[in-house]
Amino acid sequence: MKMTPAKLNSFLMLKLPSAWLCGVRVKQINSRSCEVGVKHRWINQNPFKSMYFAVQAMAAELSTGALVMSKIQQENKKISMLVAQNKSTFSKKATGTITFTSEDGDKITQAIKKTLDTGEGETFWMKSVGRNEEGGEVSSFDFEWTVRVKK
């Protein structure tokens, strides 16, 4: 079954309701990239009238995690996935609609192949960049993902 934005957004509503309530939505996904959007609103703002950093983190993580989920689904094997650590930088206030894009889908294939071959866990870093409607970077997130064959 192919992963689509509609399927991922339904998954959000059922399994990650806080992200869904804050307005995090998958806009597009393919084998190489994923775009996730979130609009600055009252429910997801900080006291400084910009988007709360945790909402940005949810959207950024989803842009990488959806790619990992998609690649695991294609393998049709039981593989676990987990964020081991993350790093972030914030360069300007996040207001309006912010789009987080990860273009690191190619990194996942190699890690999954290796964990299937060896049975050992594999780690890899993925980046997601958040941009406002004018195309200006507001934040950047790096996530270290781990994948491992379930025993």
N, C-alpha and C. Protein backbone atom coordinates (compact mmCIF):
# COMPACT_ATOMS: atom_id res chain seq x y z
N MET A 1 0.84 -1.17 0.00
CA MET A 1 0.00 0.00 0.00
C MET A 1 0.89 1.24 0.00
N LYS A 2 0.65 2.14 -0.93
CA LYS A 2 1.46 3.35 -1.06
C LYS A 2 1.07 4.38 0.01
N MET A 3 2.08 5.00 0.58
CA MET A 3 1.81 6.05 1.56
C MET A 3 1.45 7.33 0.85
N THR A 4 0.36 7.95 1.29
CA THR A 4 -0.11 9.19 0.69
C THR A 4 -0.29 10.23 1.79
N PRO A 5 -0.33 11.51 1.44
CA PRO A 5 -0.61 12.53 2.45
C PRO A 5 -1.91 12.27 3.21
N ALA A 6 -2.96 11.86 2.51
CA ALA A 6 -4.24 11.61 3.18
C ALA A 6 -4.13 10.50 4.21
N LYS A 7 -3.44 9.41 3.87
CA LYS A 7 -3.27 8.29 4.81
C LYS A 7 -2.43 8.73 6.01
N LEU A 8 -1.37 9.48 5.76
CA LEU A 8 -0.52 9.96 6.85
C LEU A 8 -1.27 10.94 7.75
N ASN A 9 -2.09 11.80 7.18
CA ASN A 9 -2.85 12.75 7.99
C ASN A 9 -3.92 12.05 8.82
N SER A 10 -4.51 10.97 8.31
CA SER A 10 -5.44 10.16 9.10
C SER A 10 -4.70 9.48 10.25
N PHE A 11 -3.50 8.98 9.96
CA PHE A 11 -2.64 8.38 10.98
C PHE A 11 -2.36 9.39 12.09
N LEU A 12 -2.05 10.63 11.69
CA LEU A 12 -1.80 11.69 12.67
C LEU A 12 -2.98 11.89 13.60
N MET A 13 -4.17 11.97 13.02
CA MET A 13 -5.36 12.22 13.82
C MET A 13 -5.56 11.10 14.85
N LEU A 14 -5.30 9.86 14.44
CA LEU A 14 -5.56 8.73 15.33
C LEU A 14 -4.42 8.43 16.29
N LYS A 15 -3.17 8.57 15.84
CA LYS A 15 -2.02 8.14 16.65
C LYS A 15 -1.20 9.27 17.25
N LEU A 16 -1.27 10.47 16.66
CA LEU A 16 -0.53 11.63 17.17
C LEU A 16 -1.47 12.83 17.23
N PRO A 17 -2.51 12.73 18.06
CA PRO A 17 -3.53 13.78 18.04
C PRO A 17 -3.02 15.17 18.41
N SER A 18 -1.97 15.28 19.23
CA SER A 18 -1.47 16.62 19.57
C SER A 18 -0.90 17.32 18.33
N ALA A 19 -0.21 16.57 17.47
CA ALA A 19 0.30 17.16 16.23
C ALA A 19 -0.86 17.55 15.32
N TRP A 20 -1.86 16.68 15.21
CA TRP A 20 -3.01 16.96 14.36
C TRP A 20 -3.76 18.20 14.85
N LEU A 21 -3.99 18.29 16.16
CA LEU A 21 -4.70 19.45 16.72
C LEU A 21 -3.93 20.75 16.50
N CYS A 22 -2.62 20.67 16.50
CA CYS A 22 -1.80 21.87 16.27
C CYS A 22 -1.73 22.25 14.80
N GLY A 23 -2.30 21.43 13.92
CA GLY A 23 -2.35 21.78 12.50
C GLY A 23 -1.25 21.20 11.64
N VAL A 24 -0.48 20.27 12.16
CA VAL A 24 0.59 19.64 11.38
C VAL A 24 -0.06 18.73 10.33
N ARG A 25 0.32 18.93 9.05
CA ARG A 25 -0.26 18.14 7.96
C ARG A 25 0.80 17.82 6.91
N VAL A 26 0.78 16.58 6.44
CA VAL A 26 1.66 16.17 5.35
C VAL A 26 1.08 16.74 4.05
N LYS A 27 1.95 17.41 3.28
CA LYS A 27 1.51 18.01 2.02
C LYS A 27 1.88 17.14 0.82
N GLN A 28 3.06 16.54 0.86
CA GLN A 28 3.49 15.66 -0.23
C GLN A 28 4.56 14.72 0.28
N ILE A 29 4.59 13.52 -0.33
CA ILE A 29 5.62 12.54 -0.01
C ILE A 29 5.92 11.72 -1.25
N ASN A 30 7.19 11.45 -1.47
CA ASN A 30 7.61 10.52 -2.51
C ASN A 30 8.80 9.74 -1.95
N SER A 31 9.48 8.97 -2.75
CA SER A 31 10.55 8.12 -2.22
C SER A 31 11.75 8.91 -1.73
N ARG A 32 11.89 10.13 -2.16
CA ARG A 32 13.08 10.93 -1.82
C ARG A 32 12.81 12.07 -0.84
N SER A 33 11.58 12.61 -0.84
CA SER A 33 11.33 13.79 -0.02
C SER A 33 9.92 13.78 0.57
N CYS A 34 9.78 14.60 1.61
CA CYS A 34 8.48 14.76 2.26
C CYS A 34 8.35 16.21 2.70
N GLU A 35 7.17 16.78 2.47
CA GLU A 35 6.84 18.15 2.88
C GLU A 35 5.71 18.12 3.88
N VAL A 36 5.92 18.82 4.99
CA VAL A 36 4.91 18.91 6.04
C VAL A 36 4.68 20.38 6.33
N GLY A 37 3.42 20.78 6.38
CA GLY A 37 3.09 22.18 6.64
C GLY A 37 2.37 22.34 7.97
N VAL A 38 2.53 23.52 8.54
CA VAL A 38 1.80 23.88 9.76
C VAL A 38 1.63 25.40 9.76
N LYS A 39 0.43 25.84 10.08
CA LYS A 39 0.13 27.27 10.07
C LYS A 39 0.15 27.79 11.51
N HIS A 40 0.79 28.94 11.68
CA HIS A 40 0.81 29.61 12.98
C HIS A 40 -0.61 30.01 13.35
N ARG A 41 -1.08 29.50 14.50
CA ARG A 41 -2.42 29.79 15.00
C ARG A 41 -2.35 29.95 16.51
N TRP A 42 -3.46 30.32 17.10
CA TRP A 42 -3.52 30.53 18.53
C TRP A 42 -3.10 29.27 19.30
N ILE A 43 -3.55 28.10 18.85
CA ILE A 43 -3.30 26.85 19.59
C ILE A 43 -1.83 26.43 19.58
N ASN A 44 -1.05 26.90 18.62
CA ASN A 44 0.34 26.46 18.55
C ASN A 44 1.36 27.59 18.73
N GLN A 45 0.92 28.68 19.34
CA GLN A 45 1.84 29.81 19.51
C GLN A 45 2.48 29.84 20.89
N ASN A 46 3.58 30.53 20.98
CA ASN A 46 4.26 30.77 22.25
C ASN A 46 3.86 32.17 22.75
N PRO A 47 4.33 32.57 23.92
CA PRO A 47 3.95 33.89 24.44
C PRO A 47 4.45 35.07 23.59
N PHE A 48 5.36 34.81 22.66
CA PHE A 48 5.94 35.87 21.83
C PHE A 48 5.25 35.97 20.48
N LYS A 49 4.08 35.33 20.36
CA LYS A 49 3.25 35.40 19.16
C LYS A 49 3.92 34.84 17.91
N SER A 50 4.68 33.77 18.10
CA SER A 50 5.20 33.00 16.97
C SER A 50 4.98 31.52 17.31
N MET A 51 5.29 30.66 16.38
CA MET A 51 5.02 29.24 16.57
C MET A 51 5.95 28.64 17.63
N TYR A 52 5.35 27.90 18.54
CA TYR A 52 6.08 27.23 19.62
C TYR A 52 7.09 26.26 19.02
N PHE A 53 8.28 26.19 19.60
CA PHE A 53 9.34 25.36 19.03
C PHE A 53 8.95 23.88 18.95
N ALA A 54 8.17 23.39 19.91
CA ALA A 54 7.79 21.98 19.91
C ALA A 54 6.88 21.64 18.73
N VAL A 55 6.06 22.58 18.31
CA VAL A 55 5.20 22.35 17.14
C VAL A 55 6.08 22.27 15.89
N GLN A 56 7.07 23.13 15.81
CA GLN A 56 8.01 23.06 14.70
C GLN A 56 8.73 21.71 14.71
N ALA A 57 9.11 21.25 15.90
CA ALA A 57 9.80 19.96 16.01
C ALA A 57 8.91 18.80 15.57
N MET A 58 7.61 18.86 15.92
CA MET A 58 6.69 17.80 15.48
C MET A 58 6.60 17.74 13.96
N ALA A 59 6.48 18.90 13.34
CA ALA A 59 6.37 18.94 11.87
C ALA A 59 7.67 18.49 11.22
N ALA A 60 8.79 18.93 11.75
CA ALA A 60 10.08 18.54 11.19
C ALA A 60 10.32 17.04 11.34
N GLU A 61 10.02 16.51 12.53
CA GLU A 61 10.21 15.07 12.74
C GLU A 61 9.33 14.26 11.80
N LEU A 62 8.09 14.70 11.60
CA LEU A 62 7.19 13.99 10.71
C LEU A 62 7.72 13.97 9.28
N SER A 63 8.34 15.05 8.85
CA SER A 63 8.87 15.09 7.48
C SER A 63 9.98 14.05 7.27
N THR A 64 10.71 13.72 8.32
CA THR A 64 11.73 12.67 8.21
C THR A 64 11.12 11.31 8.53
N GLY A 65 10.32 11.24 9.58
CA GLY A 65 9.75 9.97 10.02
C GLY A 65 8.81 9.34 9.01
N ALA A 66 8.06 10.14 8.28
CA ALA A 66 7.17 9.60 7.25
C ALA A 66 7.97 8.90 6.16
N LEU A 67 9.14 9.46 5.84
CA LEU A 67 10.02 8.81 4.85
C LEU A 67 10.52 7.47 5.38
N VAL A 68 10.90 7.43 6.65
CA VAL A 68 11.37 6.18 7.26
C VAL A 68 10.25 5.15 7.26
N MET A 69 9.05 5.56 7.69
CA MET A 69 7.90 4.65 7.71
C MET A 69 7.61 4.11 6.31
N SER A 70 7.68 4.96 5.32
CA SER A 70 7.39 4.56 3.95
C SER A 70 8.38 3.50 3.46
N LYS A 71 9.66 3.71 3.73
CA LYS A 71 10.69 2.75 3.29
C LYS A 71 10.54 1.42 4.03
N ILE A 72 10.21 1.48 5.33
CA ILE A 72 10.00 0.25 6.09
C ILE A 72 8.80 -0.51 5.53
N GLN A 73 7.74 0.20 5.22
CA GLN A 73 6.54 -0.42 4.67
C GLN A 73 6.85 -1.13 3.34
N GLN A 74 7.69 -0.54 2.53
CA GLN A 74 8.05 -1.13 1.24
C GLN A 74 8.79 -2.46 1.42
N GLU A 75 9.54 -2.60 2.50
CA GLU A 75 10.29 -3.83 2.76
C GLU A 75 9.39 -4.97 3.19
N ASN A 76 8.24 -4.65 3.76
CA ASN A 76 7.30 -5.66 4.24
C ASN A 76 7.94 -6.59 5.27
N LYS A 77 8.79 -6.03 6.11
CA LYS A 77 9.45 -6.76 7.20
C LYS A 77 9.17 -5.99 8.49
N LYS A 78 9.33 -6.67 9.62
CA LYS A 78 9.12 -6.00 10.91
C LYS A 78 10.42 -5.30 11.30
N ILE A 79 10.39 -3.97 11.20
CA ILE A 79 11.57 -3.15 11.51
C ILE A 79 11.11 -2.04 12.44
N SER A 80 11.82 -1.87 13.55
CA SER A 80 11.48 -0.78 14.47
C SER A 80 12.25 0.48 14.08
N MET A 81 11.70 1.62 14.46
CA MET A 81 12.34 2.91 14.18
C MET A 81 12.21 3.79 15.42
N LEU A 82 13.23 4.59 15.67
CA LEU A 82 13.24 5.43 16.86
C LEU A 82 14.18 6.60 16.64
N VAL A 83 13.79 7.76 17.14
CA VAL A 83 14.71 8.91 17.14
C VAL A 83 15.64 8.76 18.33
N ALA A 84 16.94 8.76 18.08
CA ALA A 84 17.93 8.62 19.15
C ALA A 84 18.32 9.99 19.71
N GLN A 85 18.44 10.98 18.84
CA GLN A 85 18.76 12.34 19.29
C GLN A 85 18.39 13.32 18.18
N ASN A 86 18.35 14.59 18.56
CA ASN A 86 18.08 15.62 17.56
C ASN A 86 18.81 16.91 17.92
N LYS A 87 18.97 17.74 16.90
CA LYS A 87 19.58 19.06 17.06
C LYS A 87 18.73 20.04 16.27
N SER A 88 18.64 21.25 16.76
CA SER A 88 17.84 22.24 16.04
C SER A 88 18.46 23.63 16.16
N THR A 89 18.17 24.44 15.14
CA THR A 89 18.56 25.85 15.17
C THR A 89 17.36 26.66 14.69
N PHE A 90 17.20 27.83 15.30
CA PHE A 90 16.09 28.71 14.97
C PHE A 90 16.67 30.05 14.52
N SER A 91 16.27 30.48 13.31
CA SER A 91 16.88 31.68 12.76
C SER A 91 15.97 32.89 12.69
N LYS A 92 14.65 32.67 12.74
CA LYS A 92 13.72 33.81 12.78
C LYS A 92 12.38 33.33 13.31
N LYS A 93 11.52 34.30 13.67
CA LYS A 93 10.19 33.97 14.18
C LYS A 93 9.40 33.19 13.14
N ALA A 94 8.72 32.16 13.61
CA ALA A 94 7.90 31.34 12.72
C ALA A 94 6.46 31.84 12.79
N THR A 95 6.03 32.57 11.78
CA THR A 95 4.65 33.04 11.68
C THR A 95 4.14 32.70 10.28
N GLY A 96 2.83 32.69 10.11
CA GLY A 96 2.26 32.29 8.83
C GLY A 96 2.34 30.78 8.66
N THR A 97 2.37 30.33 7.44
CA THR A 97 2.49 28.90 7.15
C THR A 97 3.96 28.54 7.00
N ILE A 98 4.37 27.53 7.76
CA ILE A 98 5.75 27.05 7.71
C ILE A 98 5.73 25.67 7.06
N THR A 99 6.62 25.47 6.10
CA THR A 99 6.73 24.18 5.42
C THR A 99 8.08 23.56 5.74
N PHE A 100 8.03 22.35 6.30
CA PHE A 100 9.24 21.60 6.62
C PHE A 100 9.47 20.57 5.53
N THR A 101 10.67 20.57 4.99
CA THR A 101 11.00 19.65 3.91
C THR A 101 12.24 18.84 4.26
N SER A 102 12.12 17.53 4.09
CA SER A 102 13.28 16.65 4.18
C SER A 102 13.48 16.02 2.82
N GLU A 103 14.70 16.02 2.37
CA GLU A 103 15.04 15.43 1.07
C GLU A 103 16.06 14.31 1.25
N ASP A 104 15.99 13.62 2.39
CA ASP A 104 16.97 12.60 2.73
C ASP A 104 16.46 11.17 2.59
N GLY A 105 15.46 10.96 1.75
CA GLY A 105 14.91 9.62 1.58
C GLY A 105 15.92 8.58 1.14
N ASP A 106 16.94 9.00 0.40
CA ASP A 106 17.96 8.05 -0.08
C ASP A 106 18.79 7.46 1.05
N LYS A 107 18.92 8.16 2.15
CA LYS A 107 19.74 7.67 3.27
C LYS A 107 19.13 6.44 3.95
N ILE A 108 17.84 6.32 3.87
CA ILE A 108 17.13 5.28 4.62
C ILE A 108 17.34 3.90 3.99
N THR A 109 17.32 3.84 2.69
CA THR A 109 17.42 2.56 1.97
C THR A 109 18.65 1.78 2.40
N GLN A 110 19.78 2.46 2.45
CA GLN A 110 21.04 1.80 2.80
C GLN A 110 21.01 1.28 4.24
N ALA A 111 20.48 2.07 5.17
CA ALA A 111 20.43 1.65 6.57
C ALA A 111 19.51 0.45 6.75
N ILE A 112 18.37 0.45 6.06
CA ILE A 112 17.44 -0.68 6.18
C ILE A 112 18.05 -1.94 5.57
N LYS A 113 18.71 -1.80 4.45
CA LYS A 113 19.37 -2.96 3.84
C LYS A 113 20.40 -3.55 4.79
N LYS A 114 21.18 -2.68 5.42
CA LYS A 114 22.23 -3.15 6.32
C LYS A 114 21.65 -3.83 7.56
N THR A 115 20.59 -3.27 8.14
CA THR A 115 19.99 -3.90 9.32
C THR A 115 19.34 -5.23 8.96
N LEU A 116 18.77 -5.35 7.76
CA LEU A 116 18.20 -6.62 7.32
C LEU A 116 19.29 -7.67 7.10
N ASP A 117 20.45 -7.23 6.56
CA ASP A 117 21.56 -8.16 6.30
C ASP A 117 22.24 -8.63 7.58
N THR A 118 22.42 -7.71 8.54
CA THR A 118 23.21 -8.03 9.73
C THR A 118 22.37 -8.33 10.97
N GLY A 119 21.15 -7.84 11.01
CA GLY A 119 20.33 -7.99 12.22
C GLY A 119 20.68 -6.98 13.30
N GLU A 120 21.69 -6.18 13.05
CA GLU A 120 22.12 -5.15 14.00
C GLU A 120 21.40 -3.84 13.71
N GLY A 121 21.29 -2.99 14.73
CA GLY A 121 20.70 -1.68 14.56
C GLY A 121 21.60 -0.77 13.73
N GLU A 122 20.98 0.11 12.99
CA GLU A 122 21.70 1.09 12.17
C GLU A 122 21.20 2.49 12.51
N THR A 123 22.11 3.45 12.47
CA THR A 123 21.72 4.84 12.73
C THR A 123 22.09 5.69 11.51
N PHE A 124 21.32 6.76 11.33
CA PHE A 124 21.59 7.70 10.25
C PHE A 124 20.92 9.02 10.60
N TRP A 125 21.47 10.11 10.07
CA TRP A 125 20.95 11.46 10.32
C TRP A 125 20.13 11.93 9.14
N MET A 126 19.03 12.61 9.45
CA MET A 126 18.20 13.22 8.42
C MET A 126 17.94 14.67 8.80
N LYS A 127 17.84 15.52 7.80
CA LYS A 127 17.64 16.96 8.01
C LYS A 127 16.27 17.38 7.51
N SER A 128 15.67 18.33 8.22
CA SER A 128 14.43 18.96 7.80
C SER A 128 14.58 20.46 7.98
N VAL A 129 14.25 21.21 6.95
CA VAL A 129 14.37 22.67 6.99
C VAL A 129 12.97 23.27 6.91
N GLY A 130 12.69 24.20 7.84
CA GLY A 130 11.41 24.90 7.85
C GLY A 130 11.54 26.27 7.21
N ARG A 131 10.64 26.54 6.26
CA ARG A 131 10.67 27.83 5.55
C ARG A 131 9.30 28.48 5.63
N ASN A 132 9.32 29.82 5.72
CA ASN A 132 8.06 30.56 5.74
C ASN A 132 7.53 30.74 4.32
N GLU A 133 6.42 31.45 4.19
CA GLU A 133 5.79 31.62 2.87
C GLU A 133 6.66 32.38 1.89
N GLU A 134 7.57 33.21 2.39
CA GLU A 134 8.48 33.96 1.52
C GLU A 134 9.70 33.14 1.13
N GLY A 135 9.82 31.93 1.66
CA GLY A 135 10.98 31.07 1.37
C GLY A 135 12.14 31.24 2.32
N GLY A 136 11.98 32.09 3.35
CA GLY A 136 13.04 32.29 4.32
C GLY A 136 13.10 31.17 5.34
N GLU A 137 14.31 30.74 5.65
CA GLU A 137 14.48 29.66 6.63
C GLU A 137 14.17 30.18 8.03
N VAL A 138 13.29 29.48 8.74
CA VAL A 138 12.97 29.85 10.12
C VAL A 138 13.61 28.90 11.11
N SER A 139 13.77 27.63 10.72
CA SER A 139 14.42 26.66 11.62
C SER A 139 14.93 25.48 10.82
N SER A 140 15.85 24.78 11.44
CA SER A 140 16.45 23.60 10.82
C SER A 140 16.61 22.53 11.89
N PHE A 141 16.22 21.31 11.57
CA PHE A 141 16.29 20.20 12.53
C PHE A 141 17.07 19.06 11.93
N ASP A 142 17.89 18.42 12.76
CA ASP A 142 18.59 17.19 12.39
C ASP A 142 18.15 16.11 13.36
N PHE A 143 17.72 14.96 12.81
CA PHE A 143 17.27 13.83 13.62
C PHE A 143 18.15 12.63 13.35
N GLU A 144 18.62 12.00 14.42
CA GLU A 144 19.33 10.74 14.29
C GLU A 144 18.32 9.62 14.48
N TRP A 145 18.04 8.90 13.41
CA TRP A 145 17.11 7.78 13.44
C TRP A 145 17.86 6.48 13.62
N THR A 146 17.24 5.54 14.31
CA THR A 146 17.78 4.19 14.42
C THR A 146 16.73 3.24 13.85
N VAL A 147 17.19 2.24 13.12
CA VAL A 147 16.31 1.18 12.62
C VAL A 147 16.94 -0.15 13.02
N ARG A 148 16.07 -1.10 13.32
CA ARG A 148 16.52 -2.43 13.73
C ARG A 148 15.44 -3.44 13.39
N VAL A 149 15.89 -4.61 12.93
CA VAL A 149 14.95 -5.70 12.65
C VAL A 149 14.37 -6.16 13.99
N LYS A 150 13.04 -6.28 14.04
CA LYS A 150 12.38 -6.78 15.24
C LYS A 150 12.59 -8.29 15.33
N LYS A 151 12.89 -8.75 16.54
CA LYS A 151 13.12 -10.19 16.74
C LYS A 151 11.91 -10.86 17.30
